[in-house]
């Protein structure tokens, strides 16, 4: 008997949907809309990286919390990603007395 010591690199549609807490039809729709990344296996089945699970959760939060349509969700996620990137690369401004001096 052998046991896997690492997580599988890719998940099939059913496994991915279950892990993301979404219906497989919704996951397929998100892939077609370009909101979730997936590849096709040689047999034609969708393959998902586990890192895409939080992406589905984010889409569902935006859809349920803000009642955004999928086109708007794509725009909002792009903007949120860009903001996060800019904040990571933001230069540190020296402060004097707890306030920025620029």
PDB file of N, CA and C in Angstrom:
ATOM      1  N   UNK A   1       0.843  -1.178   0.000  1.00  0.00           N
ATOM      2  CA  UNK A   1       0.000   0.000   0.000  1.00  0.00           C
ATOM      3  C   UNK A   1       0.887   1.238   0.000  1.00  0.00           C
ATOM      4  N   UNK A   2       0.509   2.216  -0.830  1.00  0.00           N
ATOM      5  CA  UNK A   2       1.243   3.473  -0.868  1.00  0.00           C
ATOM      6  C   UNK A   2       0.299   4.612  -0.518  1.00  0.00           C
ATOM      7  N   UNK A   3       0.865   5.653  -0.005  1.00  0.00           N
ATOM      8  CA  UNK A   3       0.075   6.829   0.361  1.00  0.00           C
ATOM      9  C   UNK A   3       0.702   8.061  -0.271  1.00  0.00           C
ATOM     10  N   UNK A   4      -0.124   8.952  -0.739  1.00  0.00           N
ATOM     11  CA  UNK A   4       0.373  10.195  -1.319  1.00  0.00           C
ATOM     12  C   UNK A   4       0.855  11.102  -0.193  1.00  0.00           C
ATOM     13  N   UNK A   5       2.040  11.645  -0.368  1.00  0.00           N
ATOM     14  CA  UNK A   5       2.610  12.525   0.644  1.00  0.00           C
ATOM     15  C   UNK A   5       2.397  13.991   0.309  1.00  0.00           C
ATOM     16  N   UNK A   6       1.938  14.266  -0.889  1.00  0.00           N
ATOM     17  CA  UNK A   6       1.683  15.636  -1.295  1.00  0.00           C
ATOM     18  C   UNK A   6       0.270  15.741  -1.857  1.00  0.00           C
ATOM     19  N   UNK A   7      -0.222  16.968  -1.898  1.00  0.00           N
ATOM     20  CA  UNK A   7      -1.526  17.199  -2.504  1.00  0.00           C
ATOM     21  C   UNK A   7      -1.432  16.998  -4.007  1.00  0.00           C
ATOM     22  N   UNK A   8      -2.522  16.568  -4.618  1.00  0.00           N
ATOM     23  CA  UNK A   8      -2.485  16.457  -6.070  1.00  0.00           C
ATOM     24  C   UNK A   8      -2.339  17.849  -6.692  1.00  0.00           C
ATOM     25  N   UNK A   9      -1.603  17.909  -7.767  1.00  0.00           N
ATOM     26  CA  UNK A   9      -1.346  19.189  -8.431  1.00  0.00           C
ATOM     27  C   UNK A   9      -2.627  19.752  -9.037  1.00  0.00           C
ATOM     28  N   UNK A  10      -3.456  18.901  -9.564  1.00  0.00           N
ATOM     29  CA  UNK A  10      -4.695  19.336 -10.202  1.00  0.00           C
ATOM     30  C   UNK A  10      -5.888  18.599  -9.608  1.00  0.00           C
ATOM     31  N   UNK A  11      -7.032  19.267  -9.612  1.00  0.00           N
ATOM     32  CA  UNK A  11      -8.274  18.675  -9.156  1.00  0.00           C
ATOM     33  C   UNK A  11      -9.227  18.567 -10.336  1.00  0.00           C
ATOM     34  N   UNK A  12     -10.022  17.504 -10.361  1.00  0.00           N
ATOM     35  CA  UNK A  12     -11.040  17.407 -11.411  1.00  0.00           C
ATOM     36  C   UNK A  12     -12.203  18.328 -11.043  1.00  0.00           C
ATOM     37  N   UNK A  13     -13.141  18.485 -11.958  1.00  0.00           N
ATOM     38  CA  UNK A  13     -14.246  19.423 -11.769  1.00  0.00           C
ATOM     39  C   UNK A  13     -15.054  19.119 -10.520  1.00  0.00           C
ATOM     40  N   UNK A  14     -15.441  17.875 -10.338  1.00  0.00           N
ATOM     41  CA  UNK A  14     -16.286  17.510  -9.186  1.00  0.00           C
ATOM     42  C   UNK A  14     -15.565  17.769  -7.868  1.00  0.00           C
ATOM     43  N   UNK A  15     -14.318  17.356  -7.782  1.00  0.00           N
ATOM     44  CA  UNK A  15     -13.538  17.546  -6.558  1.00  0.00           C
ATOM     45  C   UNK A  15     -13.325  19.025  -6.275  1.00  0.00           C
ATOM     46  N   UNK A  16     -12.993  19.764  -7.331  1.00  0.00           N
ATOM     47  CA  UNK A  16     -12.772  21.200  -7.175  1.00  0.00           C
ATOM     48  C   UNK A  16     -14.045  21.905  -6.719  1.00  0.00           C
ATOM     49  N   UNK A  17     -15.161  21.593  -7.366  1.00  0.00           N
ATOM     50  CA  UNK A  17     -16.432  22.227  -7.010  1.00  0.00           C
ATOM     51  C   UNK A  17     -16.799  21.927  -5.560  1.00  0.00           C
ATOM     52  N   UNK A  18     -16.613  20.701  -5.148  1.00  0.00           N
ATOM     53  CA  UNK A  18     -16.914  20.314  -3.759  1.00  0.00           C
ATOM     54  C   UNK A  18     -16.023  21.101  -2.794  1.00  0.00           C
ATOM     55  N   UNK A  19     -14.729  21.200  -3.099  1.00  0.00           N
ATOM     56  CA  UNK A  19     -13.803  21.913  -2.220  1.00  0.00           C
ATOM     57  C   UNK A  19     -14.108  23.409  -2.171  1.00  0.00           C
ATOM     58  N   UNK A  20     -14.607  23.949  -3.284  1.00  0.00           N
ATOM     59  CA  UNK A  20     -14.916  25.377  -3.344  1.00  0.00           C
ATOM     60  C   UNK A  20     -16.313  25.693  -2.828  1.00  0.00           C
ATOM     61  N   UNK A  21     -17.110  24.664  -2.572  1.00  0.00           N
ATOM     62  CA  UNK A  21     -18.469  24.885  -2.086  1.00  0.00           C
ATOM     63  C   UNK A  21     -19.383  25.451  -3.156  1.00  0.00           C
ATOM     64  N   UNK A  22     -19.151  25.027  -4.396  1.00  0.00           N
ATOM     65  CA  UNK A  22     -19.948  25.534  -5.516  1.00  0.00           C
ATOM     66  C   UNK A  22     -20.452  24.369  -6.362  1.00  0.00           C
ATOM     67  N   UNK A  23     -21.492  24.613  -7.117  1.00  0.00           N
ATOM     68  CA  UNK A  23     -22.017  23.602  -8.026  1.00  0.00           C
ATOM     69  C   UNK A  23     -21.079  23.493  -9.233  1.00  0.00           C
ATOM     70  N   UNK A  24     -20.858  22.304  -9.749  1.00  0.00           N
ATOM     71  CA  UNK A  24     -19.977  22.153 -10.919  1.00  0.00           C
ATOM     72  C   UNK A  24     -20.400  23.007 -12.116  1.00  0.00           C
ATOM     73  N   UNK A  25     -21.700  23.196 -12.317  1.00  0.00           N
ATOM     74  CA  UNK A  25     -22.156  24.047 -13.419  1.00  0.00           C
ATOM     75  C   UNK A  25     -21.707  25.493 -13.229  1.00  0.00           C
ATOM     76  N   UNK A  26     -21.743  25.969 -11.982  1.00  0.00           N
ATOM     77  CA  UNK A  26     -21.276  27.325 -11.696  1.00  0.00           C
ATOM     78  C   UNK A  26     -19.784  27.433 -11.959  1.00  0.00           C
ATOM     79  N   UNK A  27     -19.033  26.438 -11.535  1.00  0.00           N
ATOM     80  CA  UNK A  27     -17.584  26.460 -11.764  1.00  0.00           C
ATOM     81  C   UNK A  27     -17.291  26.514 -13.260  1.00  0.00           C
ATOM     82  N   UNK A  28     -17.984  25.715 -14.047  1.00  0.00           N
ATOM     83  CA  UNK A  28     -17.786  25.746 -15.502  1.00  0.00           C
ATOM     84  C   UNK A  28     -18.118  27.125 -16.058  1.00  0.00           C
ATOM     85  N   UNK A  29     -19.191  27.739 -15.574  1.00  0.00           N
ATOM     86  CA  UNK A  29     -19.561  29.083 -16.034  1.00  0.00           C
ATOM     87  C   UNK A  29     -18.470  30.090 -15.702  1.00  0.00           C
ATOM     88  N   UNK A  30     -17.891  29.993 -14.503  1.00  0.00           N
ATOM     89  CA  UNK A  30     -16.830  30.911 -14.104  1.00  0.00           C
ATOM     90  C   UNK A  30     -15.586  30.740 -14.971  1.00  0.00           C
ATOM     91  N   UNK A  31     -15.317  29.511 -15.387  1.00  0.00           N
ATOM     92  CA  UNK A  31     -14.182  29.261 -16.280  1.00  0.00           C
ATOM     93  C   UNK A  31     -14.442  29.903 -17.641  1.00  0.00           C
ATOM     94  N   UNK A  32     -15.623  29.681 -18.181  1.00  0.00           N
ATOM     95  CA  UNK A  32     -15.970  30.239 -19.495  1.00  0.00           C
ATOM     96  C   UNK A  32     -15.911  31.768 -19.467  1.00  0.00           C
ATOM     97  N   UNK A  33     -16.318  32.378 -18.355  1.00  0.00           N
ATOM     98  CA  UNK A  33     -16.298  33.832 -18.219  1.00  0.00           C
ATOM     99  C   UNK A  33     -14.899  34.380 -17.931  1.00  0.00           C
ATOM    100  N   UNK A  34     -13.932  33.490 -17.688  1.00  0.00           N
ATOM    101  CA  UNK A  34     -12.569  33.927 -17.423  1.00  0.00           C
ATOM    102  C   UNK A  34     -12.317  34.354 -15.996  1.00  0.00           C
ATOM    103  N   UNK A  35     -13.216  34.022 -15.091  1.00  0.00           N
ATOM    104  CA  UNK A  35     -13.047  34.395 -13.687  1.00  0.00           C
ATOM    105  C   UNK A  35     -12.230  33.375 -12.907  1.00  0.00           C
ATOM    106  N   UNK A  36     -12.187  32.147 -13.386  1.00  0.00           N
ATOM    107  CA  UNK A  36     -11.427  31.065 -12.752  1.00  0.00           C
ATOM    108  C   UNK A  36     -10.561  30.420 -13.831  1.00  0.00           C
ATOM    109  N   UNK A  37      -9.316  30.154 -13.479  1.00  0.00           N
ATOM    110  CA  UNK A  37      -8.389  29.520 -14.419  1.00  0.00           C
ATOM    111  C   UNK A  37      -8.503  28.003 -14.349  1.00  0.00           C
ATOM    112  N   UNK A  38      -8.494  27.377 -15.495  1.00  0.00           N
ATOM    113  CA  UNK A  38      -8.514  25.920 -15.589  1.00  0.00           C
ATOM    114  C   UNK A  38      -7.844  25.514 -16.889  1.00  0.00           C
ATOM    115  N   UNK A  39      -7.431  24.275 -16.935  1.00  0.00           N
ATOM    116  CA  UNK A  39      -6.863  23.715 -18.161  1.00  0.00           C
ATOM    117  C   UNK A  39      -7.656  22.473 -18.527  1.00  0.00           C
ATOM    118  N   UNK A  40      -7.445  22.008 -19.727  1.00  0.00           N
ATOM    119  CA  UNK A  40      -8.106  20.786 -20.178  1.00  0.00           C
ATOM    120  C   UNK A  40      -7.106  19.638 -20.149  1.00  0.00           C
ATOM    121  N   UNK A  41      -7.537  18.528 -19.601  1.00  0.00           N
ATOM    122  CA  UNK A  41      -6.734  17.301 -19.601  1.00  0.00           C
ATOM    123  C   UNK A  41      -6.795  16.702 -21.009  1.00  0.00           C
ATOM    124  N   UNK A  42      -5.890  15.797 -21.324  1.00  0.00           N
ATOM    125  CA  UNK A  42      -5.938  15.154 -22.643  1.00  0.00           C
ATOM    126  C   UNK A  42      -7.274  14.483 -22.944  1.00  0.00           C
ATOM    127  N   UNK A  43      -7.986  14.034 -21.917  1.00  0.00           N
ATOM    128  CA  UNK A  43      -9.286  13.392 -22.131  1.00  0.00           C
ATOM    129  C   UNK A  43     -10.423  14.411 -22.231  1.00  0.00           C
ATOM    130  N   UNK A  44     -10.105  15.724 -22.166  1.00  0.00           N
ATOM    131  CA  UNK A  44     -11.104  16.775 -22.326  1.00  0.00           C
ATOM    132  C   UNK A  44     -11.706  17.286 -21.040  1.00  0.00           C
ATOM    133  N   UNK A  45     -11.392  16.673 -19.912  1.00  0.00           N
ATOM    134  CA  UNK A  45     -11.949  17.111 -18.632  1.00  0.00           C
ATOM    135  C   UNK A  45     -11.212  18.338 -18.117  1.00  0.00           C
ATOM    136  N   UNK A  46     -11.948  19.172 -17.369  1.00  0.00           N
ATOM    137  CA  UNK A  46     -11.338  20.344 -16.746  1.00  0.00           C
ATOM    138  C   UNK A  46     -10.393  19.915 -15.627  1.00  0.00           C
ATOM    139  N   UNK A  47      -9.299  20.657 -15.481  1.00  0.00           N
ATOM    140  CA  UNK A  47      -8.341  20.452 -14.392  1.00  0.00           C
ATOM    141  C   UNK A  47      -8.120  21.797 -13.709  1.00  0.00           C
ATOM    142  N   UNK A  48      -8.165  21.782 -12.397  1.00  0.00           N
ATOM    143  CA  UNK A  48      -8.046  23.012 -11.619  1.00  0.00           C
ATOM    144  C   UNK A  48      -6.899  22.904 -10.634  1.00  0.00           C
ATOM    145  N   UNK A  49      -6.198  23.998 -10.452  1.00  0.00           N
ATOM    146  CA  UNK A  49      -5.179  24.055  -9.409  1.00  0.00           C
ATOM    147  C   UNK A  49      -5.881  24.406  -8.095  1.00  0.00           C
ATOM    148  N   UNK A  50      -5.434  23.829  -6.984  1.00  0.00           N
ATOM    149  CA  UNK A  50      -6.066  24.128  -5.689  1.00  0.00           C
ATOM    150  C   UNK A  50      -6.050  25.619  -5.340  1.00  0.00           C
ATOM    151  N   UNK A  51      -5.099  26.363  -5.896  1.00  0.00           N
ATOM    152  CA  UNK A  51      -5.009  27.797  -5.617  1.00  0.00           C
ATOM    153  C   UNK A  51      -6.203  28.577  -6.154  1.00  0.00           C
ATOM    154  N   UNK A  52      -7.010  27.962  -7.007  1.00  0.00           N
ATOM    155  CA  UNK A  52      -8.181  28.633  -7.566  1.00  0.00           C
ATOM    156  C   UNK A  52      -9.400  28.566  -6.639  1.00  0.00           C
ATOM    157  N   UNK A  53      -9.326  27.762  -5.589  1.00  0.00           N
ATOM    158  CA  UNK A  53     -10.455  27.649  -4.664  1.00  0.00           C
ATOM    159  C   UNK A  53     -10.798  29.002  -4.025  1.00  0.00           C
ATOM    160  N   UNK A  54      -9.821  29.763  -3.516  1.00  0.00           N
ATOM    161  CA  UNK A  54     -10.165  31.082  -2.960  1.00  0.00           C
ATOM    162  C   UNK A  54     -10.737  32.043  -4.005  1.00  0.00           C
ATOM    163  N   UNK A  55     -10.396  31.846  -5.267  1.00  0.00           N
ATOM    164  CA  UNK A  55     -10.935  32.701  -6.325  1.00  0.00           C
ATOM    165  C   UNK A  55     -12.448  32.499  -6.423  1.00  0.00           C
ATOM    166  N   UNK A  56     -12.880  31.256  -6.351  1.00  0.00           N
ATOM    167  CA  UNK A  56     -14.313  30.968  -6.392  1.00  0.00           C
ATOM    168  C   UNK A  56     -14.998  31.583  -5.172  1.00  0.00           C
ATOM    169  N   UNK A  57     -14.391  31.474  -4.017  1.00  0.00           N
ATOM    170  CA  UNK A  57     -14.968  32.062  -2.802  1.00  0.00           C
ATOM    171  C   UNK A  57     -15.095  33.574  -2.939  1.00  0.00           C
ATOM    172  N   UNK A  58     -14.100  34.207  -3.510  1.00  0.00           N
ATOM    173  CA  UNK A  58     -14.126  35.658  -3.714  1.00  0.00           C
ATOM    174  C   UNK A  58     -15.263  36.049  -4.660  1.00  0.00           C
ATOM    175  N   UNK A  59     -15.409  35.312  -5.750  1.00  0.00           N
ATOM    176  CA  UNK A  59     -16.487  35.571  -6.709  1.00  0.00           C
ATOM    177  C   UNK A  59     -17.844  35.423  -6.021  1.00  0.00           C
ATOM    178  N   UNK A  60     -17.992  34.382  -5.236  1.00  0.00           N
ATOM    179  CA  UNK A  60     -19.268  34.163  -4.551  1.00  0.00           C
ATOM    180  C   UNK A  60     -19.558  35.275  -3.534  1.00  0.00           C
ATOM    181  N   UNK A  61     -18.531  35.748  -2.821  1.00  0.00           N
ATOM    182  CA  UNK A  61     -18.728  36.847  -1.866  1.00  0.00           C
ATOM    183  C   UNK A  61     -19.172  38.122  -2.585  1.00  0.00           C
ATOM    184  N   UNK A  62     -18.533  38.420  -3.710  1.00  0.00           N
ATOM    185  CA  UNK A  62     -18.896  39.619  -4.458  1.00  0.00           C
ATOM    186  C   UNK A  62     -20.303  39.494  -5.041  1.00  0.00           C
ATOM    187  N   UNK A  63     -20.624  38.322  -5.531  1.00  0.00           N
ATOM    188  CA  UNK A  63     -21.946  38.097  -6.139  1.00  0.00           C
ATOM    189  C   UNK A  63     -23.045  38.187  -5.079  1.00  0.00           C
ATOM    190  N   UNK A  64     -22.845  37.534  -3.948  1.00  0.00           N
ATOM    191  CA  UNK A  64     -23.865  37.504  -2.902  1.00  0.00           C
ATOM    192  C   UNK A  64     -23.905  38.783  -2.072  1.00  0.00           C
ATOM    193  N   UNK A  65     -22.730  39.317  -1.737  1.00  0.00           N
ATOM    194  CA  UNK A  65     -22.671  40.479  -0.860  1.00  0.00           C
ATOM    195  C   UNK A  65     -23.015  41.792  -1.537  1.00  0.00           C
ATOM    196  N   UNK A  66     -22.604  41.932  -2.803  1.00  0.00           N
ATOM    197  CA  UNK A  66     -22.815  43.193  -3.508  1.00  0.00           C
ATOM    198  C   UNK A  66     -23.787  43.071  -4.676  1.00  0.00           C
ATOM    199  N   UNK A  67     -24.280  41.869  -4.901  1.00  0.00           N
ATOM    200  CA  UNK A  67     -25.226  41.610  -5.993  1.00  0.00           C
ATOM    201  C   UNK A  67     -24.679  42.080  -7.344  1.00  0.00           C
ATOM    202  N   UNK A  68     -23.400  41.803  -7.570  1.00  0.00           N
ATOM    203  CA  UNK A  68     -22.769  42.175  -8.835  1.00  0.00           C
ATOM    204  C   UNK A  68     -23.011  41.097  -9.874  1.00  0.00           C
ATOM    205  N   UNK A  69     -23.125  41.511 -11.145  1.00  0.00           N
ATOM    206  CA  UNK A  69     -23.187  40.511 -12.208  1.00  0.00           C
ATOM    207  C   UNK A  69     -21.763  40.038 -12.502  1.00  0.00           C
ATOM    208  N   UNK A  70     -21.642  38.994 -13.301  1.00  0.00           N
ATOM    209  CA  UNK A  70     -20.324  38.392 -13.509  1.00  0.00           C
ATOM    210  C   UNK A  70     -19.361  39.309 -14.251  1.00  0.00           C
ATOM    211  N   UNK A  71     -19.866  40.153 -15.140  1.00  0.00           N
ATOM    212  CA  UNK A  71     -18.987  41.108 -15.828  1.00  0.00           C
ATOM    213  C   UNK A  71     -18.404  42.101 -14.826  1.00  0.00           C
ATOM    214  N   UNK A  72     -19.245  42.582 -13.919  1.00  0.00           N
ATOM    215  CA  UNK A  72     -18.775  43.517 -12.899  1.00  0.00           C
ATOM    216  C   UNK A  72     -17.799  42.828 -11.946  1.00  0.00           C
ATOM    217  N   UNK A  73     -18.043  41.568 -11.635  1.00  0.00           N
ATOM    218  CA  UNK A  73     -17.141  40.830 -10.749  1.00  0.00           C
ATOM    219  C   UNK A  73     -15.747  40.738 -11.370  1.00  0.00           C
ATOM    220  N   UNK A  74     -15.683  40.507 -12.674  1.00  0.00           N
ATOM    221  CA  UNK A  74     -14.384  40.479 -13.346  1.00  0.00           C
ATOM    222  C   UNK A  74     -13.654  41.795 -13.199  1.00  0.00           C
ATOM    223  N   UNK A  75     -14.360  42.894 -13.383  1.00  0.00           N
ATOM    224  CA  UNK A  75     -13.764  44.222 -13.246  1.00  0.00           C
ATOM    225  C   UNK A  75     -13.323  44.483 -11.813  1.00  0.00           C
ATOM    226  N   UNK A  76     -14.184  44.168 -10.859  1.00  0.00           N
ATOM    227  CA  UNK A  76     -13.871  44.414  -9.444  1.00  0.00           C
ATOM    228  C   UNK A  76     -12.675  43.571  -9.003  1.00  0.00           C
ATOM    229  N   UNK A  77     -12.619  42.308  -9.399  1.00  0.00           N
ATOM    230  CA  UNK A  77     -11.477  41.474  -8.996  1.00  0.00           C
ATOM    231  C   UNK A  77     -10.180  41.979  -9.628  1.00  0.00           C
ATOM    232  N   UNK A  78     -10.240  42.438 -10.869  1.00  0.00           N
ATOM    233  CA  UNK A  78      -9.044  43.023 -11.493  1.00  0.00           C
ATOM    234  C   UNK A  78      -8.584  44.254 -10.726  1.00  0.00           C
ATOM    235  N   UNK A  79      -9.521  45.105 -10.342  1.00  0.00           N
ATOM    236  CA  UNK A  79      -9.171  46.311  -9.587  1.00  0.00           C
ATOM    237  C   UNK A  79      -8.623  45.974  -8.202  1.00  0.00           C
ATOM    238  N   UNK A  80      -9.239  45.014  -7.516  1.00  0.00           N
ATOM    239  CA  UNK A  80      -8.740  44.611  -6.200  1.00  0.00           C
ATOM    240  C   UNK A  80      -7.332  44.026  -6.290  1.00  0.00           C
ATOM    241  N   UNK A  81      -7.080  43.227  -7.322  1.00  0.00           N
ATOM    242  CA  UNK A  81      -5.741  42.667  -7.513  1.00  0.00           C
ATOM    243  C   UNK A  81      -4.720  43.773  -7.782  1.00  0.00           C
ATOM    244  N   UNK A  82      -5.112  44.750  -8.583  1.00  0.00           N
ATOM    245  CA  UNK A  82      -4.212  45.867  -8.903  1.00  0.00           C
ATOM    246  C   UNK A  82      -3.922  46.696  -7.660  1.00  0.00           C
ATOM    247  N   UNK A  83      -4.934  46.951  -6.842  1.00  0.00           N
ATOM    248  CA  UNK A  83      -4.734  47.702  -5.599  1.00  0.00           C
ATOM    249  C   UNK A  83      -3.774  46.954  -4.685  1.00  0.00           C
ATOM    250  N   UNK A  84      -3.969  45.647  -4.547  1.00  0.00           N
ATOM    251  CA  UNK A  84      -3.082  44.850  -3.695  1.00  0.00           C
ATOM    252  C   UNK A  84      -1.647  44.906  -4.209  1.00  0.00           C
ATOM    253  N   UNK A  85      -1.486  44.838  -5.519  1.00  0.00           N
ATOM    254  CA  UNK A  85      -0.141  44.917  -6.110  1.00  0.00           C
ATOM    255  C   UNK A  85       0.498  46.273  -5.837  1.00  0.00           C
ATOM    256  N   UNK A  86      -0.263  47.341  -6.004  1.00  0.00           N
ATOM    257  CA  UNK A  86       0.266  48.681  -5.756  1.00  0.00           C
ATOM    258  C   UNK A  86       0.627  48.876  -4.288  1.00  0.00           C
ATOM    259  N   UNK A  87      -0.183  48.344  -3.397  1.00  0.00           N
ATOM    260  CA  UNK A  87       0.109  48.501  -1.972  1.00  0.00           C
ATOM    261  C   UNK A  87       1.349  47.718  -1.562  1.00  0.00           C
ATOM    262  N   UNK A  88       1.582  46.587  -2.202  1.00  0.00           N
ATOM    263  CA  UNK A  88       2.794  45.809  -1.904  1.00  0.00           C
ATOM    264  C   UNK A  88       4.042  46.534  -2.388  1.00  0.00           C
ATOM    265  N   UNK A  89       3.918  47.293  -3.460  1.00  0.00           N
ATOM    266  CA  UNK A  89       5.065  47.986  -4.053  1.00  0.00           C
ATOM    267  C   UNK A  89       5.161  49.448  -3.644  1.00  0.00           C
ATOM    268  N   UNK A  90       4.277  49.880  -2.747  1.00  0.00           N
ATOM    269  CA  UNK A  90       4.250  51.281  -2.323  1.00  0.00           C
ATOM    270  C   UNK A  90       5.509  51.609  -1.521  1.00  0.00           C
ATOM    271  N   UNK A  91       6.172  52.702  -1.864  1.00  0.00           N
ATOM    272  CA  UNK A  91       7.347  53.080  -1.081  1.00  0.00           C
ATOM    273  C   UNK A  91       6.941  53.533   0.311  1.00  0.00           C
ATOM    274  N   UNK A  92       7.797  53.281   1.260  1.00  0.00           N
ATOM    275  CA  UNK A  92       7.542  53.694   2.636  1.00  0.00           C
ATOM    276  C   UNK A  92       7.901  55.168   2.761  1.00  0.00           C
ATOM    277  N   UNK A  93       6.946  55.958   3.235  1.00  0.00           N
ATOM    278  CA  UNK A  93       7.160  57.395   3.390  1.00  0.00           C
ATOM    279  C   UNK A  93       7.642  57.652   4.810  1.00  0.00           C
ATOM    280  N   UNK A  94       8.796  58.303   4.947  1.00  0.00           N
ATOM    281  CA  UNK A  94       9.280  58.615   6.299  1.00  0.00           C
ATOM    282  C   UNK A  94       8.294  59.533   7.016  1.00  0.00           C
ATOM    283  N   UNK A  95       8.149  59.306   8.304  1.00  0.00           N
ATOM    284  CA  UNK A  95       7.235  60.130   9.093  1.00  0.00           C
ATOM    285  C   UNK A  95       8.005  60.879  10.156  1.00  0.00           C
ATOM    286  N   UNK A  96       7.439  61.999  10.586  1.00  0.00           N
ATOM    287  CA  UNK A  96       8.028  62.775  11.665  1.00  0.00           C
ATOM    288  C   UNK A  96       6.896  63.092  12.624  1.00  0.00           C
ATOM    289  N   UNK A  97       7.013  62.613  13.837  1.00  0.00           N
ATOM    290  CA  UNK A  97       5.966  62.852  14.819  1.00  0.00           C
ATOM    291  C   UNK A  97       4.688  62.104  14.520  1.00  0.00           C
ATOM    292  N   UNK A  98       4.803  60.960  13.829  1.00  0.00           N
ATOM    293  CA  UNK A  98       3.647  60.155  13.550  1.00  0.00           C
ATOM    294  C   UNK A  98       2.861  60.588  12.320  1.00  0.00           C
ATOM    295  N   UNK A  99       3.275  61.698  11.665  1.00  0.00           N
ATOM    296  CA  UNK A  99       2.578  62.179  10.477  1.00  0.00           C
ATOM    297  C   UNK A  99       3.549  62.228   9.302  1.00  0.00           C
ATOM    298  N   UNK A 100       3.027  61.927   8.142  1.00  0.00           N
ATOM    299  CA  UNK A 100       3.868  62.023   6.942  1.00  0.00           C
ATOM    300  C   UNK A 100       4.257  63.460   6.724  1.00  0.00           C
ATOM    301  N   UNK A 101       5.509  63.721   6.366  1.00  0.00           N
ATOM    302  CA  UNK A 101       5.980  65.105   6.182  1.00  0.00           C
ATOM    303  C   UNK A 101       6.001  65.511   4.715  1.00  0.00           C
ATOM    304  N   UNK A 102       5.438  64.661   3.850  1.00  0.00           N
ATOM    305  CA  UNK A 102       5.412  65.048   2.428  1.00  0.00           C
ATOM    306  C   UNK A 102       4.042  65.517   2.034  1.00  0.00           C
TER     307      UNK A 102
END
